[in-house]
Amino acid sequence: MTNLIKEERLKKNMTQTDLAALVNVSRQTIFSIETNKYIPSVLLALKMAKVLGKKVDYLFYLSEQD
């Protein structure tokens, strides 16, 4: 799975720390999600989608390897 979290976060001029605070996780968690080292729970994915103003299936999608 891959995602567009970093791109959408930057469009809103947010830091990883900003996004982390809004969804109640650590900055390291956001970094891990953005670098595809961690797949968030459904709840966390929904929270990030709400904060970024996008649908979950836009932010997260299957890559060719999946």
PDB file of N, CA and C in Angstrom:
ATOM      1  N   MET A   1       0.850  -1.166   0.000  1.00  0.00           N
ATOM      2  CA  MET A   1       0.000   0.000   0.000  1.00  0.00           C
ATOM      3  C   MET A   1       0.898   1.231   0.000  1.00  0.00           C
ATOM      4  N   THR A   2       0.462   2.232  -0.693  1.00  0.00           N
ATOM      5  CA  THR A   2       1.174   3.512  -0.702  1.00  0.00           C
ATOM      6  C   THR A   2       0.186   4.616  -0.356  1.00  0.00           C
ATOM      7  N   ASN A   3       0.688   5.818  -0.174  1.00  0.00           N
ATOM      8  CA  ASN A   3      -0.212   6.892   0.239  1.00  0.00           C
ATOM      9  C   ASN A   3       0.247   8.259  -0.249  1.00  0.00           C
ATOM     10  N   LEU A   4      -0.648   9.216  -0.123  1.00  0.00           N
ATOM     11  CA  LEU A   4      -0.383  10.599  -0.518  1.00  0.00           C
ATOM     12  C   LEU A   4      -0.405  11.539   0.688  1.00  0.00           C
ATOM     13  N   ILE A   5      -0.131  10.994   1.856  1.00  0.00           N
ATOM     14  CA  ILE A   5      -0.201  11.799   3.081  1.00  0.00           C
ATOM     15  C   ILE A   5       0.769  12.981   3.025  1.00  0.00           C
ATOM     16  N   LYS A   6       2.012  12.727   2.663  1.00  0.00           N
ATOM     17  CA  LYS A   6       3.008  13.801   2.647  1.00  0.00           C
ATOM     18  C   LYS A   6       2.610  14.902   1.669  1.00  0.00           C
ATOM     19  N   GLU A   7       2.209  14.522   0.471  1.00  0.00           N
ATOM     20  CA  GLU A   7       1.840  15.508  -0.546  1.00  0.00           C
ATOM     21  C   GLU A   7       0.670  16.379  -0.082  1.00  0.00           C
ATOM     22  N   GLU A   8      -0.353  15.735   0.468  1.00  0.00           N
ATOM     23  CA  GLU A   8      -1.529  16.480   0.919  1.00  0.00           C
ATOM     24  C   GLU A   8      -1.220  17.315   2.165  1.00  0.00           C
ATOM     25  N   ARG A   9      -0.369  16.808   3.032  1.00  0.00           N
ATOM     26  CA  ARG A   9       0.040  17.567   4.224  1.00  0.00           C
ATOM     27  C   ARG A   9       0.776  18.835   3.802  1.00  0.00           C
ATOM     28  N   LEU A  10       1.695  18.699   2.841  1.00  0.00           N
ATOM     29  CA  LEU A  10       2.462  19.855   2.378  1.00  0.00           C
ATOM     30  C   LEU A  10       1.579  20.879   1.668  1.00  0.00           C
ATOM     31  N   LYS A  11       0.556  20.424   0.956  1.00  0.00           N
ATOM     32  CA  LYS A  11      -0.382  21.354   0.304  1.00  0.00           C
ATOM     33  C   LYS A  11      -1.074  22.241   1.327  1.00  0.00           C
ATOM     34  N   LYS A  12      -1.242  21.728   2.531  1.00  0.00           N
ATOM     35  CA  LYS A  12      -1.893  22.491   3.601  1.00  0.00           C
ATOM     36  C   LYS A  12      -0.878  23.212   4.487  1.00  0.00           C
ATOM     37  N   ASN A  13       0.399  23.203   4.054  1.00  0.00           N
ATOM     38  CA  ASN A  13       1.481  23.852   4.809  1.00  0.00           C
ATOM     39  C   ASN A  13       1.563  23.369   6.250  1.00  0.00           C
ATOM     40  N   MET A  14       1.394  22.059   6.417  1.00  0.00           N
ATOM     41  CA  MET A  14       1.460  21.459   7.746  1.00  0.00           C
ATOM     42  C   MET A  14       2.775  20.702   7.904  1.00  0.00           C
ATOM     43  N   THR A  15       3.311  20.730   9.099  1.00  0.00           N
ATOM     44  CA  THR A  15       4.467  19.897   9.400  1.00  0.00           C
ATOM     45  C   THR A  15       3.979  18.527   9.855  1.00  0.00           C
ATOM     46  N   GLN A  16       4.892  17.588   9.946  1.00  0.00           N
ATOM     47  CA  GLN A  16       4.536  16.280  10.492  1.00  0.00           C
ATOM     48  C   GLN A  16       4.046  16.437  11.922  1.00  0.00           C
ATOM     49  N   THR A  17       4.649  17.334  12.659  1.00  0.00           N
ATOM     50  CA  THR A  17       4.256  17.583  14.045  1.00  0.00           C
ATOM     51  C   THR A  17       2.838  18.133  14.116  1.00  0.00           C
ATOM     52  N   ASP A  18       2.500  19.040  13.196  1.00  0.00           N
ATOM     53  CA  ASP A  18       1.140  19.596  13.161  1.00  0.00           C
ATOM     54  C   ASP A  18       0.108  18.497  12.944  1.00  0.00           C
ATOM     55  N   LEU A  19       0.335  17.681  11.918  1.00  0.00           N
ATOM     56  CA  LEU A  19      -0.609  16.610  11.609  1.00  0.00           C
ATOM     57  C   LEU A  19      -0.699  15.616  12.765  1.00  0.00           C
ATOM     58  N   ALA A  20       0.452  15.272  13.322  1.00  0.00           N
ATOM     59  CA  ALA A  20       0.476  14.332  14.446  1.00  0.00           C
ATOM     60  C   ALA A  20      -0.370  14.835  15.614  1.00  0.00           C
ATOM     61  N   ALA A  21      -0.247  16.108  15.927  1.00  0.00           N
ATOM     62  CA  ALA A  21      -1.015  16.680  17.041  1.00  0.00           C
ATOM     63  C   ALA A  21      -2.517  16.624  16.756  1.00  0.00           C
ATOM     64  N   LEU A  22      -2.898  16.878  15.516  1.00  0.00           N
ATOM     65  CA  LEU A  22      -4.318  16.897  15.162  1.00  0.00           C
ATOM     66  C   LEU A  22      -4.967  15.516  15.184  1.00  0.00           C
ATOM     67  N   VAL A  23      -4.160  14.463  14.966  1.00  0.00           N
ATOM     68  CA  VAL A  23      -4.718  13.105  14.974  1.00  0.00           C
ATOM     69  C   VAL A  23      -4.264  12.301  16.195  1.00  0.00           C
ATOM     70  N   ASN A  24      -3.561  12.979  17.108  1.00  0.00           N
ATOM     71  CA  ASN A  24      -3.174  12.396  18.393  1.00  0.00           C
ATOM     72  C   ASN A  24      -2.223  11.201  18.279  1.00  0.00           C
ATOM     73  N   VAL A  25      -1.170  11.372  17.465  1.00  0.00           N
ATOM     74  CA  VAL A  25      -0.099  10.371  17.380  1.00  0.00           C
ATOM     75  C   VAL A  25       1.230  11.119  17.432  1.00  0.00           C
ATOM     76  N   SER A  26       2.338  10.401  17.418  1.00  0.00           N
ATOM     77  CA  SER A  26       3.648  11.037  17.436  1.00  0.00           C
ATOM     78  C   SER A  26       4.071  11.452  16.021  1.00  0.00           C
ATOM     79  N   ARG A  27       5.016  12.378  15.956  1.00  0.00           N
ATOM     80  CA  ARG A  27       5.573  12.786  14.667  1.00  0.00           C
ATOM     81  C   ARG A  27       6.213  11.593  13.986  1.00  0.00           C
ATOM     82  N   GLN A  28       6.827  10.710  14.761  1.00  0.00           N
ATOM     83  CA  GLN A  28       7.469   9.526  14.206  1.00  0.00           C
ATOM     84  C   GLN A  28       6.454   8.618  13.522  1.00  0.00           C
ATOM     85  N   THR A  29       5.251   8.545  14.044  1.00  0.00           N
ATOM     86  CA  THR A  29       4.197   7.743  13.411  1.00  0.00           C
ATOM     87  C   THR A  29       3.857   8.316  12.044  1.00  0.00           C
ATOM     88  N   ILE A  30       3.729   9.633  11.945  1.00  0.00           N
ATOM     89  CA  ILE A  30       3.444  10.269  10.656  1.00  0.00           C
ATOM     90  C   ILE A  30       4.578   9.997   9.681  1.00  0.00           C
ATOM     91  N   PHE A  31       5.816  10.132  10.136  1.00  0.00           N
ATOM     92  CA  PHE A  31       6.973   9.835   9.290  1.00  0.00           C
ATOM     93  C   PHE A  31       6.914   8.392   8.784  1.00  0.00           C
ATOM     94  N   SER A  32       6.623   7.458   9.670  1.00  0.00           N
ATOM     95  CA  SER A  32       6.562   6.039   9.286  1.00  0.00           C
ATOM     96  C   SER A  32       5.452   5.771   8.268  1.00  0.00           C
ATOM     97  N   ILE A  33       4.332   6.438   8.412  1.00  0.00           N
ATOM     98  CA  ILE A  33       3.233   6.286   7.451  1.00  0.00           C
ATOM     99  C   ILE A  33       3.642   6.864   6.107  1.00  0.00           C
ATOM    100  N   GLU A  34       4.222   8.063   6.124  1.00  0.00           N
ATOM    101  CA  GLU A  34       4.623   8.718   4.871  1.00  0.00           C
ATOM    102  C   GLU A  34       5.686   7.933   4.108  1.00  0.00           C
ATOM    103  N   THR A  35       6.529   7.204   4.809  1.00  0.00           N
ATOM    104  CA  THR A  35       7.585   6.427   4.156  1.00  0.00           C
ATOM    105  C   THR A  35       7.183   4.962   3.956  1.00  0.00           C
ATOM    106  N   ASN A  36       5.900   4.678   4.135  1.00  0.00           N
ATOM    107  CA  ASN A  36       5.341   3.337   3.918  1.00  0.00           C
ATOM    108  C   ASN A  36       5.968   2.251   4.784  1.00  0.00           C
ATOM    109  N   LYS A  37       6.425   2.641   5.966  1.00  0.00           N
ATOM    110  CA  LYS A  37       6.966   1.670   6.908  1.00  0.00           C
ATOM    111  C   LYS A  37       5.898   1.206   7.898  1.00  0.00           C
ATOM    112  N   TYR A  38       4.780   1.916   7.938  1.00  0.00           N
ATOM    113  CA  TYR A  38       3.709   1.603   8.877  1.00  0.00           C
ATOM    114  C   TYR A  38       2.371   1.846   8.187  1.00  0.00           C
ATOM    115  N   ILE A  39       1.466   0.896   8.307  1.00  0.00           N
ATOM    116  CA  ILE A  39       0.115   1.042   7.773  1.00  0.00           C
ATOM    117  C   ILE A  39      -0.791   1.410   8.945  1.00  0.00           C
ATOM    118  N   PRO A  40      -1.452   2.559   8.861  1.00  0.00           N
ATOM    119  CA  PRO A  40      -2.271   3.004   9.995  1.00  0.00           C
ATOM    120  C   PRO A  40      -3.539   2.176  10.151  1.00  0.00           C
ATOM    121  N   SER A  41      -4.091   2.234  11.339  1.00  0.00           N
ATOM    122  CA  SER A  41      -5.392   1.610  11.596  1.00  0.00           C
ATOM    123  C   SER A  41      -6.450   2.345  10.785  1.00  0.00           C
ATOM    124  N   VAL A  42      -7.601   1.732  10.656  1.00  0.00           N
ATOM    125  CA  VAL A  42      -8.709   2.377   9.949  1.00  0.00           C
ATOM    126  C   VAL A  42      -9.075   3.684  10.649  1.00  0.00           C
ATOM    127  N   LEU A  43      -9.121   3.670  11.952  1.00  0.00           N
ATOM    128  CA  LEU A  43      -9.467   4.874  12.710  1.00  0.00           C
ATOM    129  C   LEU A  43      -8.479   6.006  12.427  1.00  0.00           C
ATOM    130  N   LEU A  44      -7.194   5.704  12.456  1.00  0.00           N
ATOM    131  CA  LEU A  44      -6.183   6.726  12.195  1.00  0.00           C
ATOM    132  C   LEU A  44      -6.266   7.211  10.751  1.00  0.00           C
ATOM    133  N   ALA A  45      -6.478   6.314   9.815  1.00  0.00           N
ATOM    134  CA  ALA A  45      -6.621   6.704   8.409  1.00  0.00           C
ATOM    135  C   ALA A  45      -7.814   7.642   8.232  1.00  0.00           C
ATOM    136  N   LEU A  46      -8.916   7.343   8.900  1.00  0.00           N
ATOM    137  CA  LEU A  46     -10.102   8.199   8.827  1.00  0.00           C
ATOM    138  C   LEU A  46      -9.839   9.579   9.435  1.00  0.00           C
ATOM    139  N   LYS A  47      -9.115   9.617  10.553  1.00  0.00           N
ATOM    140  CA  LYS A  47      -8.783  10.894  11.183  1.00  0.00           C
ATOM    141  C   LYS A  47      -7.906  11.740  10.260  1.00  0.00           C
ATOM    142  N   MET A  48      -6.900  11.118   9.648  1.00  0.00           N
ATOM    143  CA  MET A  48      -6.017  11.862   8.753  1.00  0.00           C
ATOM    144  C   MET A  48      -6.787  12.366   7.539  1.00  0.00           C
ATOM    145  N   ALA A  49      -7.671  11.547   6.998  1.00  0.00           N
ATOM    146  CA  ALA A  49      -8.480  11.956   5.853  1.00  0.00           C
ATOM    147  C   ALA A  49      -9.340  13.164   6.208  1.00  0.00           C
ATOM    148  N   LYS A  50      -9.918  13.155   7.392  1.00  0.00           N
ATOM    149  CA  LYS A  50     -10.760  14.269   7.830  1.00  0.00           C
ATOM    150  C   LYS A  50      -9.942  15.547   7.959  1.00  0.00           C
ATOM    151  N   VAL A  51      -8.791  15.453   8.612  1.00  0.00           N
ATOM    152  CA  VAL A  51      -7.931  16.620   8.808  1.00  0.00           C
ATOM    153  C   VAL A  51      -7.443  17.169   7.462  1.00  0.00           C
ATOM    154  N   LEU A  52      -7.107  16.281   6.537  1.00  0.00           N
ATOM    155  CA  LEU A  52      -6.575  16.707   5.240  1.00  0.00           C
ATOM    156  C   LEU A  52      -7.668  17.026   4.224  1.00  0.00           C
ATOM    157  N   GLY A  53      -8.912  16.749   4.575  1.00  0.00           N
ATOM    158  CA  GLY A  53     -10.021  17.070   3.693  1.00  0.00           C
ATOM    159  C   GLY A  53     -10.091  16.201   2.446  1.00  0.00           C
ATOM    160  N   LYS A  54      -9.672  14.946   2.579  1.00  0.00           N
ATOM    161  CA  LYS A  54      -9.671  14.002   1.458  1.00  0.00           C
ATOM    162  C   LYS A  54     -10.332  12.708   1.880  1.00  0.00           C
ATOM    163  N   LYS A  55     -10.713  11.893   0.889  1.00  0.00           N
ATOM    164  CA  LYS A  55     -11.275  10.577   1.183  1.00  0.00           C
ATOM    165  C   LYS A  55     -10.140   9.590   1.438  1.00  0.00           C
ATOM    166  N   VAL A  56     -10.412   8.614   2.295  1.00  0.00           N
ATOM    167  CA  VAL A  56      -9.402   7.613   2.643  1.00  0.00           C
ATOM    168  C   VAL A  56      -8.888   6.893   1.398  1.00  0.00           C
ATOM    169  N   ASP A  57      -9.791   6.533   0.480  1.00  0.00           N
ATOM    170  CA  ASP A  57      -9.344   5.773  -0.693  1.00  0.00           C
ATOM    171  C   ASP A  57      -8.560   6.631  -1.678  1.00  0.00           C
ATOM    172  N   TYR A  58      -8.563   7.943  -1.505  1.00  0.00           N
ATOM    173  CA  TYR A  58      -7.675   8.809  -2.288  1.00  0.00           C
ATOM    174  C   TYR A  58      -6.291   8.834  -1.640  1.00  0.00           C
ATOM    175  N   LEU A  59      -6.256   8.926  -0.307  1.00  0.00           N
ATOM    176  CA  LEU A  59      -4.984   9.020   0.407  1.00  0.00           C
ATOM    177  C   LEU A  59      -4.201   7.715   0.428  1.00  0.00           C
ATOM    178  N   PHE A  60      -4.909   6.592   0.502  1.00  0.00           N
ATOM    179  CA  PHE A  60      -4.269   5.279   0.590  1.00  0.00           C
ATOM    180  C   PHE A  60      -4.738   4.406  -0.556  1.00  0.00           C
ATOM    181  N   TYR A  61      -3.801   3.783  -1.248  1.00  0.00           N
ATOM    182  CA  TYR A  61      -4.175   2.929  -2.367  1.00  0.00           C
ATOM    183  C   TYR A  61      -3.131   1.809  -2.547  1.00  0.00           C
ATOM    184  N   LEU A  62      -3.565   0.767  -3.228  1.00  0.00           N
ATOM    185  CA  LEU A  62      -2.666  -0.367  -3.489  1.00  0.00           C
ATOM    186  C   LEU A  62      -1.670  -0.026  -4.573  1.00  0.00           C
ATOM    187  N   SER A  63      -0.435  -0.449  -4.378  1.00  0.00           N
ATOM    188  CA  SER A  63       0.593  -0.259  -5.403  1.00  0.00           C
ATOM    189  C   SER A  63       0.668  -1.508  -6.272  1.00  0.00           C
ATOM    190  N   GLU A  64       1.465  -1.467  -7.306  1.00  0.00           N
ATOM    191  CA  GLU A  64       1.609  -2.588  -8.230  1.00  0.00           C
ATOM    192  C   GLU A  64       2.063  -3.880  -7.516  1.00  0.00           C
ATOM    193  N   GLN A  65       2.911  -3.746  -6.490  1.00  0.00           N
ATOM    194  CA  GLN A  65       3.441  -4.913  -5.771  1.00  0.00           C
ATOM    195  C   GLN A  65       2.405  -5.564  -4.868  1.00  0.00           C
ATOM    196  N   ASP A  66       1.344  -4.846  -4.530  1.00  0.00           N
ATOM    197  CA  ASP A  66       0.333  -5.375  -3.573  1.00  0.00           C
ATOM    198  C   ASP A  66      -0.586  -6.383  -4.213  1.00  0.00           C
TER     199      ASP A  66
END
